Amino acid sequence: MAQKVGLTLAEQFVRYALDIGALELVPEGRPLKSKRLSPYFFNSGLFDTGDRMVNITTAYGNAIRRHFRSAEGTRFDLLYGHKTKLQSDSIRNANPR
């Protein structure tokens, strides 16, 4: 995900997700299994290549580090996630660049 001048990291991630089709904005609503309508759909399955995995795990890692930066001296060495969906994200973030 190339840095785009003037955009926050979150905005860059949303833009990237839109560019690869992982985030769909559906103004008229998309039916969910629960029968509710959602104005968006996020398909994390489209983060299916090495480059895309690096982008999503880097975004998660940046958000985690930014959140804990406010707590002076807070360190962490373990990430919990859904056993099938976020396991590879946790592994990737355990060894940041």
N, C-alpha and C. Protein backbone atom coordinates (compact mmCIF):
# COMPACT_ATOMS: atom_id res chain seq x y z
N MET A 1 0.87 -1.15 0.00
CA MET A 1 0.00 0.00 0.00
C MET A 1 0.91 1.22 0.00
N ALA A 2 0.98 1.89 -1.08
CA ALA A 2 1.83 3.07 -1.21
C ALA A 2 1.27 4.21 -0.38
N GLN A 3 2.15 4.96 0.27
CA GLN A 3 1.73 6.11 1.06
C GLN A 3 1.10 7.16 0.15
N LYS A 4 -0.07 7.63 0.51
CA LYS A 4 -0.73 8.69 -0.26
C LYS A 4 -0.72 9.95 0.59
N VAL A 5 -0.19 11.01 0.03
CA VAL A 5 -0.04 12.27 0.75
C VAL A 5 -1.40 12.80 1.19
N GLY A 6 -1.49 13.20 2.45
CA GLY A 6 -2.70 13.82 2.96
C GLY A 6 -3.74 12.85 3.51
N LEU A 7 -3.51 11.56 3.39
CA LEU A 7 -4.47 10.58 3.92
C LEU A 7 -3.92 9.94 5.19
N THR A 8 -4.79 9.70 6.16
CA THR A 8 -4.38 8.98 7.36
C THR A 8 -4.14 7.52 6.99
N LEU A 9 -3.52 6.78 7.90
CA LEU A 9 -3.30 5.35 7.64
C LEU A 9 -4.62 4.62 7.45
N ALA A 10 -5.63 4.98 8.24
CA ALA A 10 -6.94 4.34 8.11
C ALA A 10 -7.56 4.64 6.75
N GLU A 11 -7.46 5.89 6.32
CA GLU A 11 -7.99 6.27 5.00
C GLU A 11 -7.25 5.55 3.88
N GLN A 12 -5.94 5.39 4.02
CA GLN A 12 -5.17 4.67 3.02
C GLN A 12 -5.62 3.21 2.94
N PHE A 13 -5.88 2.60 4.11
CA PHE A 13 -6.31 1.21 4.12
C PHE A 13 -7.69 1.06 3.47
N VAL A 14 -8.60 1.95 3.79
CA VAL A 14 -9.94 1.89 3.18
C VAL A 14 -9.84 2.06 1.67
N ARG A 15 -9.02 3.00 1.23
CA ARG A 15 -8.82 3.21 -0.21
C ARG A 15 -8.27 1.94 -0.87
N TYR A 16 -7.28 1.31 -0.22
CA TYR A 16 -6.69 0.08 -0.75
C TYR A 16 -7.74 -1.03 -0.82
N ALA A 17 -8.53 -1.20 0.24
CA ALA A 17 -9.58 -2.22 0.26
C ALA A 17 -10.59 -1.98 -0.85
N LEU A 18 -10.94 -0.74 -1.10
CA LEU A 18 -11.84 -0.41 -2.21
C LEU A 18 -11.19 -0.75 -3.55
N ASP A 19 -9.90 -0.40 -3.70
CA ASP A 19 -9.19 -0.63 -4.97
C ASP A 19 -9.12 -2.11 -5.35
N ILE A 20 -8.94 -2.99 -4.35
CA ILE A 20 -8.84 -4.43 -4.68
C ILE A 20 -10.19 -5.13 -4.63
N GLY A 21 -11.25 -4.40 -4.29
CA GLY A 21 -12.59 -4.97 -4.28
C GLY A 21 -12.96 -5.66 -2.98
N ALA A 22 -12.12 -5.55 -1.95
CA ALA A 22 -12.42 -6.19 -0.67
C ALA A 22 -13.51 -5.45 0.10
N LEU A 23 -13.65 -4.16 -0.16
CA LEU A 23 -14.69 -3.36 0.47
C LEU A 23 -15.66 -2.89 -0.59
N GLU A 24 -16.91 -3.27 -0.41
CA GLU A 24 -17.97 -2.85 -1.34
C GLU A 24 -18.89 -1.89 -0.59
N LEU A 25 -19.15 -0.74 -1.19
CA LEU A 25 -20.12 0.20 -0.63
C LEU A 25 -21.41 0.03 -1.41
N VAL A 26 -22.48 -0.30 -0.70
CA VAL A 26 -23.75 -0.63 -1.34
C VAL A 26 -24.84 0.28 -0.77
N PRO A 27 -25.05 1.46 -1.38
CA PRO A 27 -26.02 2.43 -0.83
C PRO A 27 -27.42 1.86 -0.62
N GLU A 28 -27.86 0.99 -1.53
CA GLU A 28 -29.21 0.43 -1.38
C GLU A 28 -29.25 -0.72 -0.37
N GLY A 29 -28.08 -1.13 0.10
CA GLY A 29 -27.99 -2.18 1.11
C GLY A 29 -27.75 -3.54 0.51
N ARG A 30 -26.98 -4.32 1.19
CA ARG A 30 -26.70 -5.71 0.79
C ARG A 30 -27.30 -6.61 1.85
N PRO A 31 -28.12 -7.58 1.45
CA PRO A 31 -28.74 -8.46 2.44
C PRO A 31 -27.70 -9.37 3.11
N LEU A 32 -27.77 -9.43 4.43
CA LEU A 32 -26.90 -10.30 5.20
C LEU A 32 -27.64 -11.59 5.54
N LYS A 33 -26.93 -12.56 6.07
CA LYS A 33 -27.57 -13.83 6.47
C LYS A 33 -28.67 -13.58 7.50
N SER A 34 -28.49 -12.54 8.31
CA SER A 34 -29.46 -12.21 9.35
C SER A 34 -30.70 -11.50 8.79
N LYS A 35 -30.73 -11.31 7.49
CA LYS A 35 -31.83 -10.64 6.77
C LYS A 35 -31.79 -9.11 6.91
N ARG A 36 -30.81 -8.58 7.63
CA ARG A 36 -30.65 -7.14 7.71
C ARG A 36 -29.94 -6.65 6.46
N LEU A 37 -30.05 -5.35 6.19
CA LEU A 37 -29.34 -4.75 5.06
C LEU A 37 -28.14 -3.99 5.59
N SER A 38 -27.02 -4.13 4.92
CA SER A 38 -25.80 -3.43 5.30
C SER A 38 -25.37 -2.51 4.16
N PRO A 39 -24.93 -1.28 4.47
CA PRO A 39 -24.48 -0.36 3.43
C PRO A 39 -23.09 -0.69 2.90
N TYR A 40 -22.44 -1.69 3.49
CA TYR A 40 -21.11 -2.08 3.01
C TYR A 40 -20.91 -3.58 3.22
N PHE A 41 -19.92 -4.12 2.55
CA PHE A 41 -19.53 -5.52 2.73
C PHE A 41 -18.02 -5.59 2.65
N PHE A 42 -17.40 -6.24 3.62
CA PHE A 42 -15.94 -6.38 3.66
C PHE A 42 -15.61 -7.85 3.45
N ASN A 43 -14.93 -8.15 2.35
CA ASN A 43 -14.55 -9.51 2.01
C ASN A 43 -13.07 -9.70 2.28
N SER A 44 -12.73 -10.14 3.50
CA SER A 44 -11.32 -10.31 3.86
C SER A 44 -10.67 -11.45 3.07
N GLY A 45 -11.46 -12.28 2.44
CA GLY A 45 -10.92 -13.36 1.61
C GLY A 45 -10.16 -12.85 0.40
N LEU A 46 -10.36 -11.59 0.04
CA LEU A 46 -9.64 -11.03 -1.11
C LEU A 46 -8.23 -10.56 -0.75
N PHE A 47 -7.86 -10.66 0.52
CA PHE A 47 -6.48 -10.42 0.92
C PHE A 47 -5.76 -11.76 0.81
N ASP A 48 -5.64 -12.24 -0.42
CA ASP A 48 -5.23 -13.61 -0.68
C ASP A 48 -3.86 -13.77 -1.34
N THR A 49 -3.11 -12.70 -1.42
CA THR A 49 -1.76 -12.81 -1.97
C THR A 49 -0.79 -12.28 -0.91
N GLY A 50 0.47 -12.55 -1.10
CA GLY A 50 1.47 -12.08 -0.14
C GLY A 50 1.44 -10.58 0.05
N ASP A 51 1.38 -9.84 -1.05
CA ASP A 51 1.36 -8.38 -0.97
C ASP A 51 0.11 -7.88 -0.23
N ARG A 52 -1.01 -8.49 -0.53
CA ARG A 52 -2.25 -8.07 0.13
C ARG A 52 -2.23 -8.42 1.61
N MET A 53 -1.68 -9.59 1.96
CA MET A 53 -1.56 -9.96 3.38
C MET A 53 -0.66 -8.98 4.12
N VAL A 54 0.43 -8.59 3.48
CA VAL A 54 1.33 -7.61 4.11
C VAL A 54 0.57 -6.31 4.37
N ASN A 55 -0.24 -5.89 3.42
CA ASN A 55 -1.00 -4.64 3.59
C ASN A 55 -1.99 -4.71 4.74
N ILE A 56 -2.76 -5.79 4.83
CA ILE A 56 -3.77 -5.86 5.89
C ILE A 56 -3.13 -6.06 7.25
N THR A 57 -2.09 -6.88 7.33
CA THR A 57 -1.46 -7.10 8.64
C THR A 57 -0.67 -5.87 9.08
N THR A 58 -0.10 -5.15 8.15
CA THR A 58 0.58 -3.90 8.50
C THR A 58 -0.42 -2.88 9.02
N ALA A 59 -1.59 -2.81 8.39
CA ALA A 59 -2.64 -1.89 8.87
C ALA A 59 -3.08 -2.27 10.28
N TYR A 60 -3.30 -3.57 10.54
CA TYR A 60 -3.67 -4.02 11.89
C TYR A 60 -2.56 -3.68 12.89
N GLY A 61 -1.32 -3.99 12.51
CA GLY A 61 -0.19 -3.73 13.40
C GLY A 61 -0.05 -2.25 13.73
N ASN A 62 -0.21 -1.39 12.72
CA ASN A 62 -0.13 0.06 12.96
C ASN A 62 -1.23 0.52 13.91
N ALA A 63 -2.44 -0.02 13.74
CA ALA A 63 -3.56 0.36 14.62
C ALA A 63 -3.29 -0.09 16.05
N ILE A 64 -2.76 -1.29 16.22
CA ILE A 64 -2.46 -1.79 17.57
C ILE A 64 -1.37 -0.94 18.22
N ARG A 65 -0.30 -0.68 17.47
CA ARG A 65 0.79 0.13 18.03
C ARG A 65 0.32 1.55 18.36
N ARG A 66 -0.50 2.13 17.49
CA ARG A 66 -1.01 3.48 17.73
C ARG A 66 -1.89 3.50 18.98
N HIS A 67 -2.70 2.47 19.16
CA HIS A 67 -3.58 2.39 20.33
C HIS A 67 -2.77 2.31 21.62
N PHE A 68 -1.73 1.50 21.64
CA PHE A 68 -0.96 1.30 22.86
C PHE A 68 0.12 2.35 23.08
N ARG A 69 0.38 3.16 22.08
CA ARG A 69 1.38 4.22 22.22
C ARG A 69 0.99 5.20 23.33
N SER A 70 -0.32 5.38 23.54
CA SER A 70 -0.78 6.33 24.55
C SER A 70 -0.50 5.84 25.97
N ALA A 71 -0.34 4.54 26.15
CA ALA A 71 -0.03 3.98 27.47
C ALA A 71 1.48 3.85 27.59
N GLU A 72 2.08 4.82 28.25
CA GLU A 72 3.54 4.88 28.36
C GLU A 72 4.11 3.58 28.91
N GLY A 73 5.08 3.04 28.19
CA GLY A 73 5.76 1.84 28.66
C GLY A 73 5.02 0.54 28.43
N THR A 74 3.83 0.60 27.84
CA THR A 74 3.07 -0.63 27.60
C THR A 74 3.72 -1.43 26.48
N ARG A 75 3.97 -2.68 26.76
CA ARG A 75 4.54 -3.58 25.76
C ARG A 75 3.64 -4.80 25.66
N PHE A 76 3.62 -5.42 24.52
CA PHE A 76 2.85 -6.65 24.36
C PHE A 76 3.61 -7.58 23.44
N ASP A 77 3.40 -8.86 23.65
CA ASP A 77 4.09 -9.84 22.81
C ASP A 77 3.16 -10.96 22.37
N LEU A 78 1.85 -10.74 22.50
CA LEU A 78 0.90 -11.77 22.14
C LEU A 78 -0.33 -11.12 21.53
N LEU A 79 -0.80 -11.66 20.42
CA LEU A 79 -2.02 -11.19 19.78
C LEU A 79 -3.01 -12.33 19.73
N TYR A 80 -4.25 -12.04 20.09
CA TYR A 80 -5.31 -13.03 19.98
C TYR A 80 -6.15 -12.70 18.76
N GLY A 81 -6.63 -13.70 18.10
CA GLY A 81 -7.51 -13.48 16.96
C GLY A 81 -8.32 -14.72 16.71
N HIS A 82 -9.30 -14.61 15.85
CA HIS A 82 -10.12 -15.75 15.46
C HIS A 82 -9.19 -16.83 14.91
N LYS A 83 -9.41 -18.06 15.32
CA LYS A 83 -8.43 -19.11 15.00
C LYS A 83 -8.23 -19.36 13.52
N THR A 84 -9.20 -19.05 12.69
CA THR A 84 -8.98 -19.27 11.26
C THR A 84 -8.78 -17.98 10.48
N LYS A 85 -9.39 -16.91 10.91
CA LYS A 85 -9.33 -15.68 10.12
C LYS A 85 -8.12 -14.81 10.44
N LEU A 86 -7.78 -14.69 11.71
CA LEU A 86 -6.72 -13.74 12.07
C LEU A 86 -5.44 -14.42 12.51
N GLN A 87 -5.39 -15.74 12.44
CA GLN A 87 -4.20 -16.45 12.86
C GLN A 87 -2.98 -16.01 12.06
N SER A 88 -3.11 -15.97 10.75
CA SER A 88 -1.97 -15.57 9.93
C SER A 88 -1.64 -14.09 10.14
N ASP A 89 -2.65 -13.26 10.46
CA ASP A 89 -2.39 -11.86 10.75
C ASP A 89 -1.57 -11.73 12.03
N SER A 90 -1.92 -12.53 13.04
CA SER A 90 -1.18 -12.50 14.30
C SER A 90 0.26 -12.93 14.09
N ILE A 91 0.46 -13.96 13.28
CA ILE A 91 1.81 -14.44 13.00
C ILE A 91 2.60 -13.37 12.29
N ARG A 92 2.01 -12.72 11.30
CA ARG A 92 2.70 -11.67 10.54
C ARG A 92 3.06 -10.50 11.44
N ASN A 93 2.15 -10.10 12.33
CA ASN A 93 2.40 -8.95 13.19
C ASN A 93 3.38 -9.27 14.32
N ALA A 94 3.58 -10.54 14.60
CA ALA A 94 4.54 -10.91 15.64
C ALA A 94 5.97 -10.59 15.20
N ASN A 95 6.16 -10.42 13.92
CA ASN A 95 7.51 -10.17 13.38
C ASN A 95 7.47 -8.95 12.46
N PRO A 96 7.15 -7.74 13.00
CA PRO A 96 7.01 -6.57 12.12
C PRO A 96 8.32 -6.17 11.49
N ARG A 97 8.19 -5.49 10.32
CA ARG A 97 9.38 -5.01 9.62
C ARG A 97 10.09 -3.93 10.40
